[in-house]
PDB file of N, CA and C in Angstrom:
ATOM      1  N   MET A   1       0.329 -17.807 -10.546  1.00  0.00           N
ATOM      2  CA  MET A   1       0.559 -17.866  -9.104  1.00  0.00           C
ATOM      3  C   MET A   1      -0.501 -17.031  -8.398  1.00  0.00           C
ATOM      4  N   GLU A   2      -1.074 -17.581  -7.357  1.00  0.00           N
ATOM      5  CA  GLU A   2      -2.126 -16.892  -6.623  1.00  0.00           C
ATOM      6  C   GLU A   2      -1.540 -15.747  -5.802  1.00  0.00           C
ATOM      7  N   GLU A   3      -2.195 -14.599  -5.873  1.00  0.00           N
ATOM      8  CA  GLU A   3      -1.739 -13.433  -5.114  1.00  0.00           C
ATOM      9  C   GLU A   3      -2.068 -13.635  -3.635  1.00  0.00           C
ATOM     10  N   GLU A   4      -1.118 -13.300  -2.780  1.00  0.00           N
ATOM     11  CA  GLU A   4      -1.342 -13.448  -1.345  1.00  0.00           C
ATOM     12  C   GLU A   4      -2.128 -12.260  -0.812  1.00  0.00           C
ATOM     13  N   ILE A   5      -3.007 -12.534   0.131  1.00  0.00           N
ATOM     14  CA  ILE A   5      -3.805 -11.481   0.759  1.00  0.00           C
ATOM     15  C   ILE A   5      -2.891 -10.651   1.640  1.00  0.00           C
ATOM     16  N   LYS A   6      -3.073  -9.333   1.577  1.00  0.00           N
ATOM     17  CA  LYS A   6      -2.268  -8.429   2.384  1.00  0.00           C
ATOM     18  C   LYS A   6      -3.171  -7.575   3.266  1.00  0.00           C
ATOM     19  N   ILE A   7      -2.616  -7.141   4.369  1.00  0.00           N
ATOM     20  CA  ILE A   7      -3.310  -6.299   5.328  1.00  0.00           C
ATOM     21  C   ILE A   7      -2.591  -4.954   5.371  1.00  0.00           C
ATOM     22  N   ALA A   8      -3.365  -3.878   5.302  1.00  0.00           N
ATOM     23  CA  ALA A   8      -2.795  -2.535   5.425  1.00  0.00           C
ATOM     24  C   ALA A   8      -2.665  -2.214   6.909  1.00  0.00           C
ATOM     25  N   CYS A   9      -1.455  -1.842   7.323  1.00  0.00           N
ATOM     26  CA  CYS A   9      -1.187  -1.530   8.726  1.00  0.00           C
ATOM     27  C   CYS A   9      -1.251  -0.017   8.938  1.00  0.00           C
ATOM     28  N   LYS A  10      -1.348   0.409  10.186  1.00  0.00           N
ATOM     29  CA  LYS A  10      -1.387   1.837  10.500  1.00  0.00           C
ATOM     30  C   LYS A  10      -0.017   2.484  10.377  1.00  0.00           C
ATOM     31  N   VAL A  11       1.025   1.674  10.350  1.00  0.00           N
ATOM     32  CA  VAL A  11       2.388   2.185  10.210  1.00  0.00           C
ATOM     33  C   VAL A  11       2.613   2.552   8.753  1.00  0.00           C
ATOM     34  N   ASN A  12       3.224   3.709   8.507  1.00  0.00           N
ATOM     35  CA  ASN A  12       3.475   4.155   7.139  1.00  0.00           C
ATOM     36  C   ASN A  12       4.901   3.853   6.714  1.00  0.00           C
ATOM     37  N   ASP A  13       5.069   3.664   5.410  1.00  0.00           N
ATOM     38  CA  ASP A  13       6.408   3.465   4.866  1.00  0.00           C
ATOM     39  C   ASP A  13       7.073   4.818   4.636  1.00  0.00           C
ATOM     40  N   GLU A  14       8.239   4.818   4.015  1.00  0.00           N
ATOM     41  CA  GLU A  14       8.999   6.050   3.804  1.00  0.00           C
ATOM     42  C   GLU A  14       8.290   7.043   2.885  1.00  0.00           C
ATOM     43  N   HIS A  15       7.272   6.593   2.162  1.00  0.00           N
ATOM     44  CA  HIS A  15       6.515   7.466   1.258  1.00  0.00           C
ATOM     45  C   HIS A  15       5.196   7.928   1.883  1.00  0.00           C
ATOM     46  N   GLY A  16       4.965   7.557   3.138  1.00  0.00           N
ATOM     47  CA  GLY A  16       3.739   7.944   3.825  1.00  0.00           C
ATOM     48  C   GLY A  16       2.553   7.043   3.530  1.00  0.00           C
ATOM     49  N   GLU A  17       2.795   5.934   2.845  1.00  0.00           N
ATOM     50  CA  GLU A  17       1.730   4.987   2.518  1.00  0.00           C
ATOM     51  C   GLU A  17       1.676   3.895   3.590  1.00  0.00           C
ATOM     52  N   PRO A  18       0.482   3.378   3.881  1.00  0.00           N
ATOM     53  CA  PRO A  18       0.391   2.296   4.866  1.00  0.00           C
ATOM     54  C   PRO A  18       1.208   1.078   4.426  1.00  0.00           C
ATOM     55  N   VAL A  19       1.913   0.490   5.372  1.00  0.00           N
ATOM     56  CA  VAL A  19       2.670  -0.727   5.107  1.00  0.00           C
ATOM     57  C   VAL A  19       1.680  -1.839   4.794  1.00  0.00           C
ATOM     58  N   GLN A  20       1.949  -2.602   3.754  1.00  0.00           N
ATOM     59  CA  GLN A  20       1.136  -3.754   3.376  1.00  0.00           C
ATOM     60  C   GLN A  20       1.866  -5.014   3.838  1.00  0.00           C
ATOM     61  N   MET A  21       1.199  -5.825   4.650  1.00  0.00           N
ATOM     62  CA  MET A  21       1.821  -7.019   5.202  1.00  0.00           C
ATOM     63  C   MET A  21       1.022  -8.256   4.775  1.00  0.00           C
ATOM     64  N   ILE A  22       1.728  -9.302   4.415  1.00  0.00           N
ATOM     65  CA  ILE A  22       1.064 -10.558   4.075  1.00  0.00           C
ATOM     66  C   ILE A  22       0.245 -11.017   5.288  1.00  0.00           C
ATOM     67  N   ALA A  23      -0.994 -11.391   5.034  1.00  0.00           N
ATOM     68  CA  ALA A  23      -1.955 -11.666   6.099  1.00  0.00           C
ATOM     69  C   ALA A  23      -1.479 -12.719   7.089  1.00  0.00           C
ATOM     70  N   TRP A  24      -0.886 -13.818   6.615  1.00  0.00           N
ATOM     71  CA  TRP A  24      -0.482 -14.860   7.563  1.00  0.00           C
ATOM     72  C   TRP A  24       0.591 -14.348   8.500  1.00  0.00           C
ATOM     73  N   LYS A  25       1.459 -13.453   8.016  1.00  0.00           N
ATOM     74  CA  LYS A  25       2.514 -12.900   8.869  1.00  0.00           C
ATOM     75  C   LYS A  25       1.906 -12.001   9.936  1.00  0.00           C
ATOM     76  N   TYR A  26       0.949 -11.170   9.528  1.00  0.00           N
ATOM     77  CA  TYR A  26       0.259 -10.296  10.482  1.00  0.00           C
ATOM     78  C   TYR A  26      -0.438 -11.141  11.549  1.00  0.00           C
ATOM     79  N   LYS A  27      -1.192 -12.138  11.120  1.00  0.00           N
ATOM     80  CA  LYS A  27      -1.959 -12.960  12.056  1.00  0.00           C
ATOM     81  C   LYS A  27      -1.048 -13.733  13.004  1.00  0.00           C
ATOM     82  N   ALA A  28       0.051 -14.275  12.501  1.00  0.00           N
ATOM     83  CA  ALA A  28       0.984 -15.022  13.347  1.00  0.00           C
ATOM     84  C   ALA A  28       1.596 -14.119  14.414  1.00  0.00           C
ATOM     85  N   MET A  29       2.026 -12.923  14.000  1.00  0.00           N
ATOM     86  CA  MET A  29       2.641 -12.009  14.963  1.00  0.00           C
ATOM     87  C   MET A  29       1.604 -11.462  15.944  1.00  0.00           C
ATOM     88  N   ARG A  30       0.408 -11.189  15.469  1.00  0.00           N
ATOM     89  CA  ARG A  30      -0.654 -10.708  16.353  1.00  0.00           C
ATOM     90  C   ARG A  30      -0.937 -11.744  17.437  1.00  0.00           C
ATOM     91  N   GLU A  31      -1.074 -12.995  17.053  1.00  0.00           N
ATOM     92  CA  GLU A  31      -1.335 -14.058  18.022  1.00  0.00           C
ATOM     93  C   GLU A  31      -0.186 -14.199  19.013  1.00  0.00           C
ATOM     94  N   ALA A  32       1.044 -14.109  18.529  1.00  0.00           N
ATOM     95  CA  ALA A  32       2.213 -14.204  19.418  1.00  0.00           C
ATOM     96  C   ALA A  32       2.212 -13.051  20.416  1.00  0.00           C
ATOM     97  N   ILE A  33       1.911 -11.848  19.951  1.00  0.00           N
ATOM     98  CA  ILE A  33       1.870 -10.676  20.846  1.00  0.00           C
ATOM     99  C   ILE A  33       0.773 -10.860  21.889  1.00  0.00           C
ATOM    100  N   LEU A  34      -0.404 -11.286  21.454  1.00  0.00           N
ATOM    101  CA  LEU A  34      -1.512 -11.473  22.397  1.00  0.00           C
ATOM    102  C   LEU A  34      -1.206 -12.548  23.434  1.00  0.00           C
ATOM    103  N   GLN A  35      -0.400 -13.531  23.073  1.00  0.00           N
ATOM    104  CA  GLN A  35      -0.022 -14.586  24.023  1.00  0.00           C
ATOM    105  C   GLN A  35       0.866 -14.056  25.135  1.00  0.00           C
ATOM    106  N   VAL A  36       1.721 -13.079  24.822  1.00  0.00           N
ATOM    107  CA  VAL A  36       2.734 -12.668  25.800  1.00  0.00           C
ATOM    108  C   VAL A  36       2.404 -11.375  26.550  1.00  0.00           C
ATOM    109  N   VAL A  37       1.496 -10.568  26.044  1.00  0.00           N
ATOM    110  CA  VAL A  37       1.134  -9.333  26.747  1.00  0.00           C
ATOM    111  C   VAL A  37       0.203  -9.702  27.899  1.00  0.00           C
ATOM    112  N   PRO A  38       0.557  -9.308  29.126  1.00  0.00           N
ATOM    113  CA  PRO A  38      -0.299  -9.635  30.263  1.00  0.00           C
ATOM    114  C   PRO A  38      -1.675  -8.985  30.133  1.00  0.00           C
ATOM    115  N   LYS A  39      -2.697  -9.703  30.529  1.00  0.00           N
ATOM    116  CA  LYS A  39      -4.056  -9.173  30.456  1.00  0.00           C
ATOM    117  C   LYS A  39      -4.315  -8.171  31.569  1.00  0.00           C
ATOM    118  N   GLU A  40      -3.543  -8.230  32.632  1.00  0.00           N
ATOM    119  CA  GLU A  40      -3.674  -7.309  33.763  1.00  0.00           C
ATOM    120  C   GLU A  40      -2.286  -6.883  34.211  1.00  0.00           C
ATOM    121  N   GLY A  41      -2.212  -5.834  35.004  1.00  0.00           N
ATOM    122  CA  GLY A  41      -0.941  -5.408  35.561  1.00  0.00           C
ATOM    123  C   GLY A  41      -0.270  -4.335  34.727  1.00  0.00           C
ATOM    124  N   GLU A  42       1.022  -4.242  34.877  1.00  0.00           N
ATOM    125  CA  GLU A  42       1.789  -3.160  34.285  1.00  0.00           C
ATOM    126  C   GLU A  42       2.116  -3.341  32.812  1.00  0.00           C
ATOM    127  N   GLY A  43       1.906  -4.492  32.263  1.00  0.00           N
ATOM    128  CA  GLY A  43       2.214  -4.702  30.856  1.00  0.00           C
ATOM    129  C   GLY A  43       3.593  -5.305  30.664  1.00  0.00           C
ATOM    130  N   ILE A  44       4.222  -4.940  29.555  1.00  0.00           N
ATOM    131  CA  ILE A  44       5.504  -5.523  29.180  1.00  0.00           C
ATOM    132  C   ILE A  44       6.310  -4.469  28.433  1.00  0.00           C
ATOM    133  N   SER A  45       7.611  -4.464  28.640  1.00  0.00           N
ATOM    134  CA  SER A  45       8.450  -3.503  27.904  1.00  0.00           C
ATOM    135  C   SER A  45       8.536  -3.940  26.446  1.00  0.00           C
ATOM    136  N   PHE A  46       8.815  -2.997  25.554  1.00  0.00           N
ATOM    137  CA  PHE A  46       8.906  -3.357  24.143  1.00  0.00           C
ATOM    138  C   PHE A  46      10.059  -4.318  23.898  1.00  0.00           C
ATOM    139  N   LYS A  47      11.154  -4.130  24.609  1.00  0.00           N
ATOM    140  CA  LYS A  47      12.301  -5.038  24.464  1.00  0.00           C
ATOM    141  C   LYS A  47      11.889  -6.471  24.801  1.00  0.00           C
ATOM    142  N   ASP A  48      11.172  -6.632  25.908  1.00  0.00           N
ATOM    143  CA  ASP A  48      10.710  -7.967  26.298  1.00  0.00           C
ATOM    144  C   ASP A  48       9.646  -8.483  25.335  1.00  0.00           C
ATOM    145  N   LEU A  49       8.786  -7.580  24.864  1.00  0.00           N
ATOM    146  CA  LEU A  49       7.750  -7.984  23.910  1.00  0.00           C
ATOM    147  C   LEU A  49       8.370  -8.568  22.652  1.00  0.00           C
ATOM    148  N   ARG A  50       9.378  -7.897  22.113  1.00  0.00           N
ATOM    149  CA  ARG A  50      10.036  -8.402  20.900  1.00  0.00           C
ATOM    150  C   ARG A  50      10.565  -9.809  21.101  1.00  0.00           C
ATOM    151  N   GLN A  51      11.271 -10.019  22.192  1.00  0.00           N
ATOM    152  CA  GLN A  51      11.879 -11.327  22.440  1.00  0.00           C
ATOM    153  C   GLN A  51      10.833 -12.396  22.717  1.00  0.00           C
ATOM    154  N   GLN A  52       9.883 -12.082  23.576  1.00  0.00           N
ATOM    155  CA  GLN A  52       8.885 -13.085  23.953  1.00  0.00           C
ATOM    156  C   GLN A  52       7.935 -13.406  22.799  1.00  0.00           C
ATOM    157  N   ALA A  53       7.580 -12.406  21.996  1.00  0.00           N
ATOM    158  CA  ALA A  53       6.721 -12.666  20.836  1.00  0.00           C
ATOM    159  C   ALA A  53       7.450 -13.554  19.838  1.00  0.00           C
ATOM    160  N   LYS A  54       8.727 -13.294  19.638  1.00  0.00           N
ATOM    161  CA  LYS A  54       9.520 -14.131  18.732  1.00  0.00           C
ATOM    162  C   LYS A  54       9.538 -15.573  19.230  1.00  0.00           C
ATOM    163  N   GLU A  55       9.709 -15.749  20.528  1.00  0.00           N
ATOM    164  CA  GLU A  55       9.748 -17.088  21.110  1.00  0.00           C
ATOM    165  C   GLU A  55       8.388 -17.783  21.041  1.00  0.00           C
ATOM    166  N   ALA A  56       7.290 -17.008  20.998  1.00  0.00           N
ATOM    167  CA  ALA A  56       5.944 -17.584  20.941  1.00  0.00           C
ATOM    168  C   ALA A  56       5.599 -18.103  19.545  1.00  0.00           C
ATOM    169  N   LEU A  57       6.368 -17.690  18.537  1.00  0.00           N
ATOM    170  CA  LEU A  57       6.148 -18.175  17.177  1.00  0.00           C
ATOM    171  C   LEU A  57       6.671 -19.605  17.046  1.00  0.00           C
ATOM    172  N   THR A  58       6.127 -20.353  16.118  1.00  0.00           N
ATOM    173  CA  THR A  58       6.653 -21.688  15.849  1.00  0.00           C
ATOM    174  C   THR A  58       7.987 -21.552  15.106  1.00  0.00           C
ATOM    175  N   ASP A  59       8.753 -22.623  15.073  1.00  0.00           N
ATOM    176  CA  ASP A  59      10.015 -22.611  14.330  1.00  0.00           C
ATOM    177  C   ASP A  59       9.769 -22.268  12.861  1.00  0.00           C
ATOM    178  N   GLU A  60       8.727 -22.833  12.281  1.00  0.00           N
ATOM    179  CA  GLU A  60       8.404 -22.566  10.875  1.00  0.00           C
ATOM    180  C   GLU A  60       8.038 -21.098  10.660  1.00  0.00           C
ATOM    181  N   GLN A  61       7.257 -20.534  11.577  1.00  0.00           N
ATOM    182  CA  GLN A  61       6.891 -19.119  11.455  1.00  0.00           C
ATOM    183  C   GLN A  61       8.124 -18.230  11.540  1.00  0.00           C
ATOM    184  N   ARG A  62       9.002 -18.521  12.514  1.00  0.00           N
ATOM    185  CA  ARG A  62      10.231 -17.715  12.653  1.00  0.00           C
ATOM    186  C   ARG A  62      11.075 -17.795  11.392  1.00  0.00           C
ATOM    187  N   THR A  63      11.178 -18.975  10.817  1.00  0.00           N
ATOM    188  CA  THR A  63      11.977 -19.166   9.612  1.00  0.00           C
ATOM    189  C   THR A  63      11.413 -18.384   8.432  1.00  0.00           C
ATOM    190  N   ASN A  64      10.102 -18.397   8.272  1.00  0.00           N
ATOM    191  CA  ASN A  64       9.468 -17.785   7.106  1.00  0.00           C
ATOM    192  C   ASN A  64       9.068 -16.328   7.292  1.00  0.00           C
ATOM    193  N   LEU A  65       9.082 -15.848   8.519  1.00  0.00           N
ATOM    194  CA  LEU A  65       8.621 -14.493   8.798  1.00  0.00           C
ATOM    195  C   LEU A  65       9.594 -13.424   8.326  1.00  0.00           C
ATOM    196  N   GLY A  66      10.848 -13.601   8.628  1.00  0.00           N
ATOM    197  CA  GLY A  66      11.819 -12.537   8.386  1.00  0.00           C
ATOM    198  C   GLY A  66      12.174 -11.907   9.719  1.00  0.00           C
ATOM    199  N   SER A  67      12.258 -10.602   9.772  1.00  0.00           N
ATOM    200  CA  SER A  67      12.641  -9.893  10.983  1.00  0.00           C
ATOM    201  C   SER A  67      11.489  -9.829  11.980  1.00  0.00           C
ATOM    202  N   ALA A  68      11.549 -10.666  13.008  1.00  0.00           N
ATOM    203  CA  ALA A  68      10.490 -10.682  14.014  1.00  0.00           C
ATOM    204  C   ALA A  68      10.393  -9.337  14.723  1.00  0.00           C
ATOM    205  N   GLY A  69      11.515  -8.654  14.911  1.00  0.00           N
ATOM    206  CA  GLY A  69      11.498  -7.338  15.553  1.00  0.00           C
ATOM    207  C   GLY A  69      10.708  -6.327  14.729  1.00  0.00           C
ATOM    208  N   TRP A  70      10.916  -6.319  13.416  1.00  0.00           N
ATOM    209  CA  TRP A  70      10.194  -5.397  12.549  1.00  0.00           C
ATOM    210  C   TRP A  70       8.701  -5.702  12.564  1.00  0.00           C
ATOM    211  N   TYR A  71       8.345  -6.981  12.489  1.00  0.00           N
ATOM    212  CA  TYR A  71       6.939  -7.362  12.497  1.00  0.00           C
ATOM    213  C   TYR A  71       6.293  -7.046  13.841  1.00  0.00           C
ATOM    214  N   THR A  72       7.014  -7.227  14.941  1.00  0.00           N
ATOM    215  CA  THR A  72       6.480  -6.875  16.254  1.00  0.00           C
ATOM    216  C   THR A  72       6.180  -5.383  16.305  1.00  0.00           C
ATOM    217  N   LEU A  73       7.108  -4.574  15.857  1.00  0.00           N
ATOM    218  CA  LEU A  73       6.918  -3.120  15.852  1.00  0.00           C
ATOM    219  C   LEU A  73       5.735  -2.718  14.985  1.00  0.00           C
ATOM    220  N   THR A  74       5.597  -3.315  13.836  1.00  0.00           N
ATOM    221  CA  THR A  74       4.539  -2.962  12.899  1.00  0.00           C
ATOM    222  C   THR A  74       3.169  -3.410  13.385  1.00  0.00           C
ATOM    223  N   VAL A  75       3.083  -4.603  13.956  1.00  0.00           N
ATOM    224  CA  VAL A  75       1.801  -5.156  14.368  1.00  0.00           C
ATOM    225  C   VAL A  75       1.340  -4.587  15.718  1.00  0.00           C
ATOM    226  N   LYS A  76       2.252  -4.240  16.581  1.00  0.00           N
ATOM    227  CA  LYS A  76       1.866  -3.797  17.919  1.00  0.00           C
ATOM    228  C   LYS A  76       0.847  -2.698  17.876  1.00  0.00           C
TER     229      LYS A  76
END
């Protein structure tokens, strides 16, 4: 089985090591966040970011991602 590419995030796990995230999950959530964060103005609350980023994902991405809230927090 081919190993999936992972991305090291700036967020650390409980052992102080960078969280490793499967690349497609990182890229999908990053794109969703970039779609919903305003380019100008006051920005967006984290509560709204979580919900709107989740809604910006495709049905397939939401199904295969897992916890969209956790991924939003980690990728932000």
